[in-house]
Amino acid sequence: MRLNMLGGLLPFKPREALKDAFAGVTLASMNIPQVLGYTRIAGTPVVTGLYTVLLPLVAFAVLGSSRHLVVAADSATAAIFSSSLSRMAPLASEKYMALVGMLTLLTAGLLLLARVFKLGFLADFLSRTVLVGFLTGVGIQVGIAMLGGMLGINIISHRTLGQLWEVVRGAPALSPQTTALSIFVVASILLGRRFAPRFPASLVVVVGTIVASAWFHLSKHGFAVIGPVPGGLPSLKWPDANWRETLDLLPVAGSCFVMIIAQSAATSRVYATIFKERVDEDADILGIAAANAAAAISGAFVVNGSPTQTAMADQAGARSQVAQLAFAAVVLVVLLFLTGPLQYLPHCVLASIVFTIAIGMVNVQGLSDIRRQSPGEFLLALFTATAVPAIGVEQGILLAIALSLVQHVRHSYQPHTMVLAPGVTGRWEPAPAAPGSQTEPGLIIYRFGADLFYANADRFADEVRSLVDKAPASVRWFVLDAGTVTDLDYSAAQTVRDLIGELTAKNVAVIFARVNTYLRADLDRHGISAKLGEVKIFATLHEAIEATRPGGPLAGQDASKAPVMRDDG
């Protein structure tokens, strides 16, 4: 396996690197409160949020190729593993952290396998439609999970619907001062995001509430605070989990793996396109694998190529991984010297920060665009968004993959089909292949918009029979425009052979036009090309049509006795 190191750092230009370093400091000011908030989703101690933007950032900067991708804590992956691991051990406990570490290590291993076997293409099986729906569902789930902390209501359930019911039932006993502070924090961040997107509103809110909490002793006035936060560098250790626990974690790691591959690949592609750069997806996968391995042994949790944090880095002016290294340097300073004041931070402030993140994940604009452009796909996205809070995040990601595959199969199963028919100008124009359609008396030119395989072959044959039987004039030539057909499997080949026999018995000559090299090989292999008097094969549609014209090789012939025509030109 060839290593392509420092792709996100080179070429190194001192003046640009200095700008990126300043951008990294700006990014840190906006992002540190966010990664602290992610720990509420992950169910881990607050300091682990800082660990996700220390060694993992450095690992990706060295081994990744994207100059823009920020690999750090992410709400989607945090929600995926916390919903499963919370049933295996109490949140933030020593056992829970051991399971989180092993899960992160397993995710790194899956990513490494993906790099070795070049499995990055798996990301393409999670369609953007269901990805929008999935992330919207995660946003709803995370938002509901934060309501208890924002209102001062104790929540016990790990299920979204159960949490919502506990919030409704406990509403009469909510804490007025906690609720008021949460509303203030949410409003401040959302207004800052709307009117001053580059202003670190979250940082100002965090610093301000820490100062207020320490000065006015808010912990003595009904506000729950996070308590002492350990400082210093993270200790490096191997996660302590047994074989059975490790095997139980594999499906969860698989879900995290799919989300990482899909989000990271999509994000790096977008920014490579924007800045007209080339990105090595294999190097990025290796970089994210190394980042997760670093997270696993340093007490952090699963990291991902985050779309939101990458967008924040772009807004801050970052143009290379130098910005991420500067971000890591700021975090190092915080860990060494500034964790003490974090103990005064109210829990409701972190919950409110995460709530604003959850709001950003509910992609109303994306759902609206899907609904306007493709109502059928909108139902898939809406179903996925509903399923995540209803049945769980891990099950939601599996459902999203399944729906993506179903969507693909449905398009292949029910492709667009057309018949060339006279238009209003008298010229042939593509028209839906409805019974009664005909190109001209005696001729039907039909186009099937997908490969022929076992699932759609019968639909193909039935539509062809219907077109021939219900044609307004007796059909002598049926031309299949095979320009979109590149593959013919065994089952479909047998169906096509049977169909050709039926049409030949009706004195209808079947002609294949626009046959490419791959389809021609399949026709030969399945014996269709060799059926004497039944199939004519042409490289272009023009040649096929000309063969039926007066003077052409098929004009006036009885289809059941016509010789094989092989046009290799």
Protein backbone atom coordinates (compact mmCIF):
# COMPACT_ATOMS: atom_id res chain seq x y z
CA MET A 1 0.00 0.00 0.00
CA ARG A 2 1.60 3.24 -1.17
CA LEU A 3 1.52 6.14 1.28
CA ASN A 4 0.84 9.64 0.01
CA MET A 5 1.71 11.68 3.09
CA LEU A 6 1.32 15.43 3.72
CA GLY A 7 -1.06 15.89 0.79
CA GLY A 8 -3.12 18.33 2.85
CA LEU A 9 -0.05 20.39 3.86
CA LEU A 10 2.06 20.58 0.70
CA PRO A 11 3.05 22.67 -1.11
CA PHE A 12 4.03 24.69 1.98
CA LYS A 13 4.13 28.47 1.48
CA PRO A 14 5.08 30.47 4.60
CA ARG A 15 2.81 33.45 3.93
CA GLU A 16 -0.23 31.28 3.20
CA ALA A 17 0.63 29.02 6.13
CA LEU A 18 0.54 32.03 8.46
CA LYS A 19 -2.93 32.93 7.22
CA ASP A 20 -4.02 29.35 7.76
CA ALA A 21 -2.60 29.40 11.29
CA PHE A 22 -4.72 32.46 12.13
CA ALA A 23 -7.71 30.72 10.53
CA GLY A 24 -7.03 27.72 12.77
CA VAL A 25 -7.13 29.89 15.90
CA THR A 26 -10.44 31.37 14.71
CA LEU A 27 -11.75 27.87 14.01
CA ALA A 28 -10.75 26.76 17.51
CA SER A 29 -12.65 29.67 19.07
CA MET A 30 -15.80 28.64 17.20
CA ASN A 31 -15.36 24.89 17.49
CA ILE A 32 -14.15 24.13 21.01
CA PRO A 33 -17.60 24.76 22.55
CA GLN A 34 -19.07 22.56 19.84
CA VAL A 35 -16.79 19.58 20.50
CA LEU A 36 -17.48 19.96 24.22
CA GLY A 37 -21.16 19.75 23.37
CA TYR A 38 -20.71 16.61 21.31
CA THR A 39 -19.78 14.77 24.50
CA ARG A 40 -23.40 15.17 25.61
CA ILE A 41 -24.41 13.18 22.53
CA ALA A 42 -21.59 10.66 22.92
CA GLY A 43 -22.23 10.15 26.64
CA THR A 44 -18.54 10.67 27.48
CA PRO A 45 -16.73 13.02 29.90
CA VAL A 46 -16.45 16.62 28.68
CA VAL A 47 -12.67 16.52 28.30
CA THR A 48 -12.94 13.77 25.66
CA GLY A 49 -14.37 16.35 23.27
CA LEU A 50 -11.04 18.17 23.43
CA TYR A 51 -9.20 14.89 22.87
CA THR A 52 -11.03 14.43 19.53
CA VAL A 53 -9.38 17.58 18.17
CA LEU A 54 -5.85 16.87 19.35
CA LEU A 55 -4.12 13.71 18.06
CA PRO A 56 -6.84 12.85 15.49
CA LEU A 57 -6.43 16.25 13.80
CA VAL A 58 -2.67 15.75 13.59
CA ALA A 59 -3.02 12.19 12.25
CA PHE A 60 -5.27 13.26 9.39
CA ALA A 61 -3.16 16.32 8.59
CA VAL A 62 -0.15 14.01 8.08
CA LEU A 63 -1.81 11.15 6.17
CA GLY A 64 -4.87 12.69 4.49
CA SER A 65 -4.94 14.37 1.09
CA SER A 66 -7.80 16.86 1.47
CA ARG A 67 -6.59 20.38 2.30
CA HIS A 68 -9.99 21.31 3.73
CA LEU A 69 -11.60 18.32 5.47
CA VAL A 70 -11.81 18.68 9.26
CA VAL A 71 -11.72 15.27 10.97
CA ALA A 72 -13.08 15.59 14.50
CA ALA A 73 -16.05 14.72 16.71
CA ASP A 74 -19.30 14.51 14.78
CA SER A 75 -22.89 14.42 16.00
CA ALA A 76 -24.07 11.70 13.60
CA THR A 77 -21.45 9.11 14.57
CA ALA A 78 -21.72 10.08 18.25
CA ALA A 79 -25.46 9.46 18.13
CA ILE A 80 -24.94 6.13 16.35
CA PHE A 81 -22.67 4.60 18.97
CA SER A 82 -24.14 6.16 22.11
CA SER A 83 -27.61 4.79 21.39
CA SER A 84 -26.17 1.26 21.33
CA LEU A 85 -23.45 1.44 23.97
CA SER A 86 -25.73 3.07 26.53
CA ARG A 87 -27.48 -0.31 26.81
CA MET A 88 -24.15 -2.06 27.52
CA ALA A 89 -22.75 0.19 30.27
CA PRO A 90 -23.64 3.39 32.20
CA LEU A 91 -22.77 6.57 30.29
CA ALA A 92 -19.32 8.07 31.03
CA SER A 93 -18.41 5.09 33.22
CA GLU A 94 -15.02 3.41 33.00
CA LYS A 95 -16.57 0.41 31.24
CA TYR A 96 -18.46 2.65 28.83
CA MET A 97 -15.25 4.47 27.90
CA ALA A 98 -13.49 1.13 27.34
CA LEU A 99 -16.29 0.10 24.97
CA VAL A 100 -16.13 3.47 23.21
CA GLY A 101 -12.38 3.07 22.76
CA MET A 102 -12.71 -0.44 21.32
CA LEU A 103 -15.53 0.69 19.03
CA THR A 104 -13.33 3.53 17.76
CA LEU A 105 -10.48 1.09 17.18
CA LEU A 106 -12.77 -1.29 15.27
CA THR A 107 -13.96 1.63 13.14
CA ALA A 108 -10.33 2.46 12.39
CA GLY A 109 -9.75 -1.17 11.39
CA LEU A 110 -12.72 -1.17 9.02
CA LEU A 111 -11.47 2.06 7.46
CA LEU A 112 -8.01 0.54 7.03
CA LEU A 113 -9.55 -2.48 5.28
CA ALA A 114 -11.50 -0.10 3.07
CA ARG A 115 -8.22 1.58 2.12
CA VAL A 116 -6.39 -1.71 1.45
CA PHE A 117 -9.22 -3.14 -0.68
CA LYS A 118 -10.25 0.24 -2.13
CA LEU A 119 -13.80 0.07 -0.82
CA GLY A 120 -14.43 3.81 -0.89
CA PHE A 121 -17.07 3.21 -3.55
CA LEU A 122 -19.35 1.92 -0.77
CA ALA A 123 -20.11 5.55 0.03
CA ASP A 124 -21.99 5.79 -3.25
CA PHE A 125 -24.59 3.31 -1.99
CA LEU A 126 -25.88 5.83 0.54
CA SER A 127 -27.83 8.20 -1.68
CA ARG A 128 -27.90 11.90 -0.93
CA THR A 129 -31.68 11.75 -0.61
CA VAL A 130 -31.72 9.29 2.29
CA LEU A 131 -28.57 10.86 3.77
CA VAL A 132 -30.47 14.16 4.07
CA GLY A 133 -33.34 12.27 5.69
CA PHE A 134 -31.03 10.36 8.02
CA LEU A 135 -29.18 13.45 9.25
CA THR A 136 -32.50 15.24 9.72
CA GLY A 137 -33.69 12.31 11.82
CA VAL A 138 -30.48 12.42 13.86
CA GLY A 139 -31.01 16.15 14.39
CA ILE A 140 -34.53 15.51 15.70
CA GLN A 141 -33.29 12.72 17.94
CA VAL A 142 -30.40 14.76 19.36
CA GLY A 143 -32.61 17.82 19.85
CA ILE A 144 -35.15 15.83 21.86
CA ALA A 145 -32.36 14.22 23.91
CA MET A 146 -31.12 17.69 24.93
CA LEU A 147 -34.51 18.99 26.10
CA GLY A 148 -34.18 17.43 29.53
CA GLY A 149 -30.86 19.16 30.23
CA MET A 150 -32.17 22.46 28.85
CA LEU A 151 -35.28 22.40 31.05
CA GLY A 152 -33.74 20.92 34.19
CA ILE A 153 -35.78 17.71 33.89
CA ASN A 154 -34.18 14.39 34.77
CA ILE A 155 -34.41 12.00 31.80
CA ILE A 156 -33.89 8.27 32.27
CA SER A 157 -34.98 6.72 28.95
CA HIS A 158 -32.48 6.09 26.14
CA ARG A 159 -35.24 5.96 23.50
CA THR A 160 -36.27 9.16 21.73
CA LEU A 161 -40.02 8.66 22.14
CA GLY A 162 -39.49 7.76 25.79
CA GLN A 163 -37.40 10.89 26.33
CA LEU A 164 -40.07 13.03 24.69
CA TRP A 165 -42.74 11.53 26.94
CA GLU A 166 -40.61 12.16 30.04
CA VAL A 167 -40.16 15.80 29.00
CA VAL A 168 -43.93 16.22 28.54
CA ARG A 169 -44.69 14.48 31.83
CA GLY A 170 -42.03 16.46 33.72
CA ALA A 171 -42.87 19.86 32.18
CA PRO A 172 -44.79 21.10 35.26
CA ALA A 173 -41.65 20.57 37.37
CA LEU A 174 -39.13 22.20 35.03
CA SER A 175 -36.53 24.58 36.43
CA PRO A 176 -37.45 28.18 35.47
CA GLN A 177 -33.90 29.55 35.82
CA THR A 178 -32.36 26.67 33.84
CA THR A 179 -34.99 27.06 31.12
CA ALA A 180 -34.41 30.81 30.92
CA LEU A 181 -30.64 30.40 30.60
CA SER A 182 -31.12 27.72 27.90
CA ILE A 183 -33.42 30.00 25.90
CA PHE A 184 -30.87 32.82 26.19
CA VAL A 185 -28.02 30.56 24.98
CA VAL A 186 -30.00 29.13 22.05
CA ALA A 187 -31.20 32.59 20.97
CA SER A 188 -27.70 34.08 21.24
CA ILE A 189 -26.09 31.34 19.12
CA LEU A 190 -28.83 31.27 16.48
CA LEU A 191 -28.84 35.07 16.14
CA GLY A 192 -25.04 35.08 15.96
CA ARG A 193 -25.13 32.36 13.32
CA ARG A 194 -27.70 34.34 11.34
CA PHE A 195 -26.20 37.82 11.47
CA ALA A 196 -22.49 37.26 12.22
CA PRO A 197 -21.55 33.74 11.09
CA ARG A 198 -17.81 34.30 11.63
CA PHE A 199 -18.27 35.66 15.14
CA PRO A 200 -17.55 32.97 17.81
CA ALA A 201 -20.92 33.34 19.51
CA SER A 202 -20.67 29.90 21.15
CA LEU A 203 -17.29 30.75 22.68
CA VAL A 204 -18.54 34.08 24.02
CA VAL A 205 -21.57 32.34 25.53
CA VAL A 206 -19.41 29.63 27.12
CA VAL A 207 -16.87 32.09 28.56
CA GLY A 208 -19.62 34.42 29.74
CA THR A 209 -21.60 31.71 31.51
CA ILE A 210 -18.43 30.28 33.10
CA VAL A 211 -17.55 33.70 34.49
CA ALA A 212 -21.12 34.27 35.69
CA SER A 213 -21.29 30.79 37.22
CA ALA A 214 -18.02 31.25 39.12
CA TRP A 215 -18.84 34.81 40.22
CA PHE A 216 -22.45 34.23 41.31
CA HIS A 217 -21.99 30.59 42.44
CA LEU A 218 -24.76 29.38 40.16
CA SER A 219 -24.32 25.80 41.40
CA LYS A 220 -25.83 26.95 44.71
CA HIS A 221 -28.85 28.47 42.96
CA GLY A 222 -30.28 25.45 41.19
CA PHE A 223 -27.92 25.23 38.21
CA ALA A 224 -26.18 21.88 37.62
CA VAL A 225 -22.55 22.36 36.51
CA ILE A 226 -20.21 19.87 34.84
CA GLY A 227 -17.72 19.79 37.76
CA PRO A 228 -13.94 19.28 37.73
CA VAL A 229 -12.41 18.55 34.32
CA PRO A 230 -9.04 16.75 34.28
CA GLY A 231 -6.29 18.73 32.57
CA GLY A 232 -3.05 17.72 30.92
CA LEU A 233 -2.32 15.44 28.02
CA PRO A 234 -4.49 12.36 27.45
CA SER A 235 -3.03 9.08 28.63
CA LEU A 236 -2.35 6.57 25.89
CA LYS A 237 -3.73 3.09 26.50
CA TRP A 238 -5.28 0.15 24.67
CA PRO A 239 -9.07 -0.13 25.13
CA ASP A 240 -9.98 -2.81 27.67
CA ALA A 241 -12.77 -4.91 26.15
CA ASN A 242 -13.12 -8.71 25.91
CA TRP A 243 -13.74 -10.72 22.75
CA ARG A 244 -17.49 -11.05 23.23
CA GLU A 245 -17.90 -7.31 23.76
CA THR A 246 -15.71 -6.68 20.74
CA LEU A 247 -17.91 -8.89 18.55
CA ASP A 248 -21.03 -7.13 19.87
CA LEU A 249 -19.48 -3.81 18.86
CA LEU A 250 -18.79 -4.84 15.25
CA PRO A 251 -22.26 -3.96 13.85
CA VAL A 252 -22.11 -0.55 15.54
CA ALA A 253 -18.62 0.02 14.11
CA GLY A 254 -20.00 -0.94 10.70
CA SER A 255 -22.69 1.73 10.99
CA CYS A 256 -20.10 4.35 11.99
CA PHE A 257 -17.89 3.19 9.11
CA VAL A 258 -20.65 3.69 6.53
CA MET A 259 -21.50 7.16 7.87
CA ILE A 260 -17.81 8.18 7.90
CA ILE A 261 -17.22 6.96 4.35
CA ALA A 262 -20.35 8.68 3.04
CA GLN A 263 -19.94 12.03 4.81
CA SER A 264 -16.17 12.32 4.43
CA ALA A 265 -16.10 11.41 0.74
CA ALA A 266 -18.96 13.78 -0.08
CA THR A 267 -17.43 16.66 1.90
CA SER A 268 -13.92 16.30 0.48
CA ARG A 269 -15.31 16.06 -3.07
CA VAL A 270 -17.35 19.24 -2.62
CA TYR A 271 -14.39 21.33 -1.45
CA ALA A 272 -12.02 19.83 -4.00
CA THR A 273 -14.50 20.94 -6.68
CA ILE A 274 -14.89 24.42 -5.18
CA PHE A 275 -11.13 25.02 -5.06
CA LYS A 276 -10.34 23.08 -8.27
CA GLU A 277 -8.08 20.64 -6.45
CA ARG A 278 -7.53 16.92 -6.78
CA VAL A 279 -8.29 14.70 -3.82
CA ASP A 280 -7.00 11.17 -3.22
CA GLU A 281 -9.94 9.40 -1.57
CA ASP A 282 -7.79 6.40 -0.64
CA ALA A 283 -5.37 8.68 1.21
CA ASP A 284 -8.28 10.38 2.97
CA ILE A 285 -9.65 7.01 4.11
CA LEU A 286 -6.21 6.09 5.47
CA GLY A 287 -5.98 9.48 7.20
CA ILE A 288 -9.38 9.02 8.85
CA ALA A 289 -8.41 5.48 9.89
CA ALA A 290 -5.26 6.86 11.54
CA ALA A 291 -7.31 9.62 13.18
CA ASN A 292 -9.70 7.07 14.69
CA ALA A 293 -6.81 4.88 15.85
CA ALA A 294 -5.31 7.95 17.55
CA ALA A 295 -8.69 8.73 19.12
CA ALA A 296 -9.06 5.15 20.40
CA ILE A 297 -5.76 5.06 22.27
CA SER A 298 -6.00 8.63 23.60
CA GLY A 299 -9.35 8.31 25.38
CA ALA A 300 -11.46 10.03 22.71
CA PHE A 301 -14.31 8.65 20.60
CA VAL A 302 -15.14 8.10 16.92
CA VAL A 303 -14.13 11.00 14.66
CA ASN A 304 -15.44 11.76 11.20
CA GLY A 305 -14.89 14.12 8.31
CA SER A 306 -17.44 16.64 9.53
CA PRO A 307 -19.37 18.70 6.92
CA THR A 308 -20.34 21.37 9.48
CA GLN A 309 -16.85 21.80 10.91
CA THR A 310 -15.30 21.80 7.43
CA ALA A 311 -17.71 24.57 6.46
CA MET A 312 -16.71 26.49 9.60
CA ALA A 313 -13.03 26.10 8.65
CA ASP A 314 -13.77 27.42 5.18
CA GLN A 315 -15.61 30.41 6.65
CA ALA A 316 -12.61 31.08 8.89
CA GLY A 317 -10.35 31.22 5.82
CA ALA A 318 -8.58 27.85 6.16
CA ARG A 319 -6.99 26.66 2.91
CA SER A 320 -4.79 23.79 4.13
CA GLN A 321 -4.36 21.39 7.03
CA VAL A 322 -2.04 23.97 8.65
CA ALA A 323 -5.25 25.46 10.05
CA GLN A 324 -6.14 22.13 11.67
CA LEU A 325 -2.65 21.86 13.19
CA ALA A 326 -3.10 25.36 14.64
CA PHE A 327 -6.50 24.26 15.96
CA ALA A 328 -4.82 21.28 17.68
CA ALA A 329 -2.18 23.61 19.17
CA VAL A 330 -4.89 25.81 20.72
CA VAL A 331 -6.56 22.70 22.18
CA LEU A 332 -3.20 21.65 23.64
CA VAL A 333 -2.94 25.01 25.42
CA VAL A 334 -6.50 24.61 26.75
CA LEU A 335 -5.75 21.10 28.04
CA LEU A 336 -2.56 22.20 29.76
CA PHE A 337 -3.70 25.47 31.30
CA LEU A 338 -7.43 26.21 30.94
CA THR A 339 -9.49 23.17 31.96
CA GLY A 340 -9.94 24.47 35.51
CA PRO A 341 -12.59 27.09 34.66
CA LEU A 342 -14.64 24.52 32.69
CA GLN A 343 -15.89 23.06 35.98
CA TYR A 344 -18.20 26.06 36.39
CA LEU A 345 -19.94 25.57 33.03
CA PRO A 346 -23.66 24.81 33.53
CA HIS A 347 -24.93 21.58 31.99
CA CYS A 348 -27.80 23.43 30.36
CA VAL A 349 -25.35 25.57 28.37
CA LEU A 350 -23.74 22.50 26.79
CA ALA A 351 -27.18 21.00 26.13
CA SER A 352 -28.27 24.25 24.49
CA ILE A 353 -25.17 24.36 22.28
CA VAL A 354 -25.89 20.79 21.12
CA PHE A 355 -29.53 21.74 20.55
CA THR A 356 -28.44 24.47 18.13
CA ILE A 357 -26.24 21.90 16.36
CA ALA A 358 -29.26 19.59 16.11
CA ILE A 359 -31.34 22.41 14.59
CA GLY A 360 -28.65 22.83 11.93
CA MET A 361 -28.89 19.12 11.08
CA VAL A 362 -32.60 19.37 10.30
CA ASN A 363 -32.13 20.23 6.65
CA VAL A 364 -35.45 21.88 5.82
CA GLN A 365 -34.06 23.47 2.66
CA GLY A 366 -32.67 20.15 1.44
CA LEU A 367 -35.96 18.36 2.10
CA SER A 368 -37.84 21.16 0.34
CA ASP A 369 -35.59 20.87 -2.72
CA ILE A 370 -36.08 17.09 -2.83
CA ARG A 371 -39.86 17.49 -2.51
CA ARG A 372 -39.96 20.03 -5.31
CA GLN A 373 -37.73 18.09 -7.70
CA SER A 374 -38.60 14.47 -6.85
CA PRO A 375 -41.72 13.83 -4.73
CA GLY A 376 -41.07 10.08 -4.71
CA GLU A 377 -37.58 10.49 -3.27
CA PHE A 378 -38.94 12.99 -0.76
CA LEU A 379 -41.10 10.24 0.73
CA LEU A 380 -37.97 8.10 1.14
CA ALA A 381 -36.15 10.96 2.88
CA LEU A 382 -39.15 11.67 5.12
CA PHE A 383 -39.51 7.99 6.01
CA THR A 384 -35.83 7.81 6.96
CA ALA A 385 -36.06 11.01 9.02
CA THR A 386 -39.03 9.57 10.90
CA ALA A 387 -37.48 6.14 11.39
CA VAL A 388 -34.31 7.38 13.11
CA PRO A 389 -36.00 8.82 16.23
CA ALA A 390 -38.65 6.09 16.14
CA ILE A 391 -36.47 2.96 15.96
CA GLY A 392 -32.92 4.20 16.70
CA VAL A 393 -29.89 5.67 14.96
CA GLU A 394 -28.06 2.42 14.26
CA GLN A 395 -31.18 0.88 12.75
CA GLY A 396 -31.75 4.15 10.90
CA ILE A 397 -28.40 4.01 9.13
CA LEU A 398 -29.05 0.41 8.07
CA LEU A 399 -32.48 1.44 6.85
CA ALA A 400 -30.93 4.35 4.96
CA ILE A 401 -28.56 1.98 3.14
CA ALA A 402 -31.41 -0.42 2.37
CA LEU A 403 -33.60 2.41 1.04
CA SER A 404 -30.74 3.69 -1.11
CA LEU A 405 -30.35 0.24 -2.66
CA VAL A 406 -34.12 -0.13 -3.11
CA GLN A 407 -34.20 3.26 -4.79
CA HIS A 408 -31.47 2.15 -7.21
CA VAL A 409 -33.15 -1.19 -7.93
CA ARG A 410 -36.50 0.54 -8.45
CA HIS A 411 -34.99 2.78 -11.12
CA SER A 412 -33.53 -0.27 -12.86
CA TYR A 413 -36.73 -2.28 -12.40
CA GLN A 414 -38.96 0.45 -13.81
CA PRO A 415 -36.76 2.38 -16.25
CA HIS A 416 -38.03 4.97 -18.66
CA THR A 417 -39.11 3.40 -21.93
CA MET A 418 -39.88 5.26 -25.15
CA VAL A 419 -41.09 4.77 -28.68
CA LEU A 420 -40.04 7.00 -31.54
CA ALA A 421 -43.35 8.35 -32.89
CA PRO A 422 -44.41 11.20 -35.21
CA GLY A 423 -44.52 14.49 -33.35
CA VAL A 424 -46.51 17.66 -34.06
CA THR A 425 -43.97 18.62 -36.73
CA GLY A 426 -44.23 15.23 -38.40
CA ARG A 427 -40.69 14.27 -37.34
CA TRP A 428 -40.04 11.29 -35.09
CA GLU A 429 -39.81 12.24 -31.44
CA PRO A 430 -39.42 10.18 -28.24
CA ALA A 431 -42.79 9.43 -26.61
CA PRO A 432 -43.78 7.25 -23.64
CA ALA A 433 -44.09 3.61 -24.67
CA ALA A 434 -47.87 3.34 -24.37
CA PRO A 435 -49.91 0.61 -26.09
CA GLY A 436 -50.96 1.87 -29.51
CA SER A 437 -47.72 3.76 -30.09
CA GLN A 438 -46.01 3.16 -33.41
CA THR A 439 -43.15 4.80 -35.27
CA GLU A 440 -44.76 4.30 -38.64
CA PRO A 441 -46.98 1.62 -40.16
CA GLY A 442 -45.14 -1.68 -39.87
CA LEU A 443 -42.26 -0.28 -37.73
CA ILE A 444 -41.75 0.25 -34.00
CA ILE A 445 -38.52 1.74 -32.66
CA TYR A 446 -38.42 1.09 -28.93
CA ARG A 447 -35.93 2.19 -26.29
CA PHE A 448 -35.43 0.51 -22.92
CA GLY A 449 -33.66 2.74 -20.39
CA ALA A 450 -31.65 0.23 -18.31
CA ASP A 451 -29.65 -2.98 -18.42
CA LEU A 452 -31.73 -6.14 -18.80
CA PHE A 453 -31.55 -8.43 -15.79
CA TYR A 454 -33.69 -11.02 -14.05
CA ALA A 455 -35.95 -8.49 -12.26
CA ASN A 456 -36.96 -6.32 -15.22
CA ALA A 457 -36.80 -8.79 -18.11
CA ASP A 458 -40.46 -9.84 -17.80
CA ARG A 459 -41.59 -6.19 -17.70
CA PHE A 460 -39.55 -5.60 -20.84
CA ALA A 461 -41.08 -8.60 -22.62
CA ASP A 462 -44.63 -7.73 -21.54
CA GLU A 463 -44.30 -4.15 -22.79
CA VAL A 464 -42.89 -5.29 -26.12
CA ARG A 465 -45.76 -7.78 -26.57
CA SER A 466 -48.30 -5.07 -25.72
CA LEU A 467 -46.78 -2.64 -28.22
CA VAL A 468 -46.81 -5.22 -30.99
CA ASP A 469 -50.28 -6.63 -30.25
CA LYS A 470 -51.98 -3.23 -29.90
CA ALA A 471 -50.21 -1.42 -32.73
CA PRO A 472 -52.64 0.36 -35.05
CA ALA A 473 -51.05 -1.37 -38.07
CA SER A 474 -49.52 -4.82 -38.41
CA VAL A 475 -45.90 -4.73 -37.23
CA ARG A 476 -43.22 -6.14 -39.54
CA TRP A 477 -40.08 -4.78 -37.84
CA PHE A 478 -39.45 -4.24 -34.15
CA VAL A 479 -36.24 -2.26 -33.58
CA LEU A 480 -34.79 -2.30 -30.07
CA ASP A 481 -32.65 0.80 -29.51
CA ALA A 482 -30.16 -0.81 -27.09
CA GLY A 483 -28.01 2.28 -26.54
CA THR A 484 -28.57 2.18 -22.77
CA VAL A 485 -28.24 -1.60 -22.41
CA THR A 486 -24.72 -2.72 -21.49
CA ASP A 487 -25.46 -6.00 -19.74
CA LEU A 488 -27.70 -9.03 -20.21
CA ASP A 489 -27.76 -11.69 -17.51
CA TYR A 490 -28.71 -15.35 -17.95
CA SER A 491 -32.36 -15.01 -16.89
CA ALA A 492 -32.94 -11.96 -19.06
CA ALA A 493 -31.26 -13.69 -22.03
CA GLN A 494 -33.69 -16.61 -21.80
CA THR A 495 -36.63 -14.21 -21.66
CA VAL A 496 -35.33 -12.35 -24.71
CA ARG A 497 -34.86 -15.62 -26.62
CA ASP A 498 -38.43 -16.67 -25.85
CA LEU A 499 -39.74 -13.24 -26.85
CA ILE A 500 -37.87 -13.39 -30.16
CA GLY A 501 -39.43 -16.78 -30.86
CA GLU A 502 -42.94 -15.43 -30.17
CA LEU A 503 -42.48 -12.38 -32.39
CA THR A 504 -40.91 -14.41 -35.19
CA ALA A 505 -43.93 -16.71 -35.17
CA LYS A 506 -46.02 -13.56 -35.74
CA ASN A 507 -43.77 -12.63 -38.69
CA VAL A 508 -42.19 -9.73 -36.80
CA ALA A 509 -38.45 -9.29 -37.36
CA VAL A 510 -36.62 -8.25 -34.19
CA ILE A 511 -33.67 -5.94 -34.80
CA PHE A 512 -31.07 -4.79 -32.25
CA ALA A 513 -29.65 -1.32 -32.89
CA ARG A 514 -26.86 0.66 -31.22
CA VAL A 515 -25.35 -2.52 -29.82
CA ASN A 516 -22.17 -1.78 -27.87
CA THR A 517 -19.22 -4.13 -27.39
CA TYR A 518 -20.34 -5.40 -23.98
CA LEU A 519 -23.90 -6.17 -25.07
CA ARG A 520 -22.67 -7.82 -28.24
CA ALA A 521 -20.48 -10.15 -26.19
CA ASP A 522 -23.50 -11.08 -24.04
CA LEU A 523 -25.67 -11.69 -27.10
CA ASP A 524 -23.02 -13.99 -28.55
CA ARG A 525 -22.42 -15.81 -25.25
CA HIS A 526 -26.11 -16.53 -24.66
CA GLY A 527 -26.67 -17.73 -28.24
CA ILE A 528 -29.01 -14.94 -29.24
CA SER A 529 -26.80 -13.72 -32.09
CA ALA A 530 -26.77 -17.19 -33.60
CA LYS A 531 -30.53 -17.64 -33.88
CA LEU A 532 -30.94 -17.79 -37.64
CA GLY A 533 -33.61 -15.59 -39.10
CA GLU A 534 -34.55 -14.09 -35.76
CA VAL A 535 -32.10 -11.32 -34.80
CA LYS A 536 -30.40 -8.58 -36.75
CA ILE A 537 -27.62 -6.68 -34.99
CA PHE A 538 -26.43 -3.20 -35.99
CA ALA A 539 -23.98 -0.76 -34.47
CA THR A 540 -26.16 2.30 -35.18
CA LEU A 541 -29.85 3.09 -35.25
CA HIS A 542 -29.52 4.57 -38.74
CA GLU A 543 -28.20 1.27 -40.13
CA ALA A 544 -31.07 -0.64 -38.52
CA ILE A 545 -33.68 1.67 -40.01
CA GLU A 546 -32.07 1.59 -43.46
CA ALA A 547 -32.16 -2.22 -43.39
CA THR A 548 -35.97 -2.08 -43.35
CA ARG A 549 -36.25 0.39 -46.25
CA PRO A 550 -36.91 -0.58 -49.87
CA GLY A 551 -33.72 -2.10 -51.17
CA GLY A 552 -32.52 -2.86 -47.64
CA PRO A 553 -31.57 -6.40 -46.61
CA LEU A 554 -34.77 -6.83 -44.54
CA ALA A 555 -37.27 -5.15 -46.84
CA GLY A 556 -40.02 -7.48 -47.95
CA GLN A 557 -38.62 -10.51 -46.10
CA ASP A 558 -40.56 -12.98 -44.05
CA ALA A 559 -39.12 -12.71 -40.56
CA SER A 560 -39.31 -16.44 -39.96
CA LYS A 561 -37.05 -17.12 -42.97
CA ALA A 562 -34.74 -14.10 -42.91
CA PRO A 563 -30.99 -14.77 -42.70
CA VAL A 564 -28.86 -13.44 -39.88
CA MET A 565 -27.48 -9.98 -40.55
CA ARG A 566 -24.21 -9.17 -38.77
CA ASP A 567 -23.09 -5.60 -39.11
CA ASP A 568 -19.79 -5.16 -37.30
CA GLY A 569 -19.25 -1.71 -38.70
